[in-house]
């Protein structure tokens, strides 16, 4: 897992709870779902997303000090 709490599958990034940053996880995926496991315990489940170099993030996966970035959207900055 990357140091930013994301795992990558087919050039798309999925969030994992921040407590598992830098831990070795196992990613299982199908055409429709992505699951992330640590020592046989499922940490996260995401719908599969095929958008290249994009992020699928669950706000609860972020540390409380980083959850504010989920509000950072293009429309917010344009306003």
Protein backbone atom coordinates (compact mmCIF):
# COMPACT_ATOMS: atom_id res chain seq x y z
CA UNK A 1 0.00 0.00 0.00
CA UNK A 2 1.17 3.52 -0.75
CA UNK A 3 2.08 5.90 2.05
CA UNK A 4 -1.05 7.95 1.25
CA UNK A 5 -3.46 5.16 2.22
CA UNK A 6 -4.33 4.08 -1.33
CA UNK A 7 -3.88 0.81 -3.16
CA UNK A 8 -3.67 0.64 -6.95
CA UNK A 9 -5.42 -1.73 -9.31
CA UNK A 10 -5.28 -1.24 -13.08
CA UNK A 11 -4.18 2.39 -12.75
CA UNK A 12 -6.97 3.37 -10.35
CA UNK A 13 -6.49 4.06 -6.64
CA UNK A 14 -8.71 2.85 -3.79
CA UNK A 15 -8.63 3.94 -0.17
CA UNK A 16 -7.81 1.73 2.78
CA UNK A 17 -8.08 2.69 6.48
CA UNK A 18 -5.12 4.87 7.45
CA UNK A 19 -4.09 2.46 10.24
CA UNK A 20 -2.81 0.10 7.53
CA UNK A 21 -0.54 2.53 5.72
CA UNK A 22 2.72 0.79 4.74
CA UNK A 23 1.30 -2.64 5.60
CA UNK A 24 1.36 -5.41 3.03
CA UNK A 25 -2.22 -6.04 1.91
CA UNK A 26 -3.84 -8.40 -0.55
CA UNK A 27 -6.14 -7.07 -3.26
CA UNK A 28 -8.84 -9.27 -4.77
CA UNK A 29 -10.97 -7.92 -7.56
CA UNK A 30 -13.55 -8.87 -10.14
CA UNK A 31 -15.15 -6.89 -12.95
CA UNK A 32 -17.42 -5.17 -10.43
CA UNK A 33 -15.74 -5.09 -7.02
CA UNK A 34 -12.37 -4.50 -5.33
CA UNK A 35 -11.64 -5.96 -1.88
CA UNK A 36 -8.58 -5.27 0.25
CA UNK A 37 -7.44 -7.73 2.95
CA UNK A 38 -4.87 -7.66 5.70
CA UNK A 39 -4.09 -11.00 7.35
CA UNK A 40 -7.34 -12.50 6.03
CA UNK A 41 -9.44 -9.62 7.43
CA UNK A 42 -11.31 -7.53 4.89
CA UNK A 43 -10.37 -3.87 5.31
CA UNK A 44 -12.25 -2.30 2.43
CA UNK A 45 -14.68 -3.02 -0.36
CA UNK A 46 -15.14 -0.67 -3.30
CA UNK A 47 -17.15 -0.80 -6.50
CA UNK A 48 -14.68 -1.33 -9.35
CA UNK A 49 -13.85 1.90 -11.16
CA UNK A 50 -12.15 1.90 -14.55
CA UNK A 51 -11.29 5.61 -14.67
CA UNK A 52 -7.52 5.78 -15.17
CA UNK A 53 -5.38 7.55 -12.54
CA UNK A 54 -8.40 8.52 -10.45
CA UNK A 55 -9.17 7.92 -6.78
CA UNK A 56 -12.02 6.20 -4.99
CA UNK A 57 -11.85 7.32 -1.38
CA UNK A 58 -14.04 6.60 1.63
CA UNK A 59 -13.69 9.64 3.95
CA UNK A 60 -13.71 7.39 7.03
CA UNK A 61 -10.52 5.72 5.77
CA UNK A 62 -8.60 8.98 6.21
CA UNK A 63 -7.07 10.10 9.48
CA UNK A 64 -9.18 12.82 11.11
CA UNK A 65 -6.43 15.33 10.34
CA UNK A 66 -6.82 14.60 6.61
CA UNK A 67 -10.58 14.20 6.24
CA UNK A 68 -10.96 17.86 5.29
CA UNK A 69 -9.46 17.20 1.85
CA UNK A 70 -12.56 15.25 0.81
CA UNK A 71 -14.24 18.66 0.40
CA UNK A 72 -11.58 19.78 -2.09
CA UNK A 73 -13.41 19.72 -5.39
CA UNK A 74 -12.99 21.78 -8.53
CA UNK A 75 -16.39 23.50 -8.11
CA UNK A 76 -15.50 24.49 -4.54
CA UNK A 77 -12.31 26.21 -5.65
CA UNK A 78 -14.00 27.86 -8.63
CA UNK A 79 -16.68 29.33 -6.33
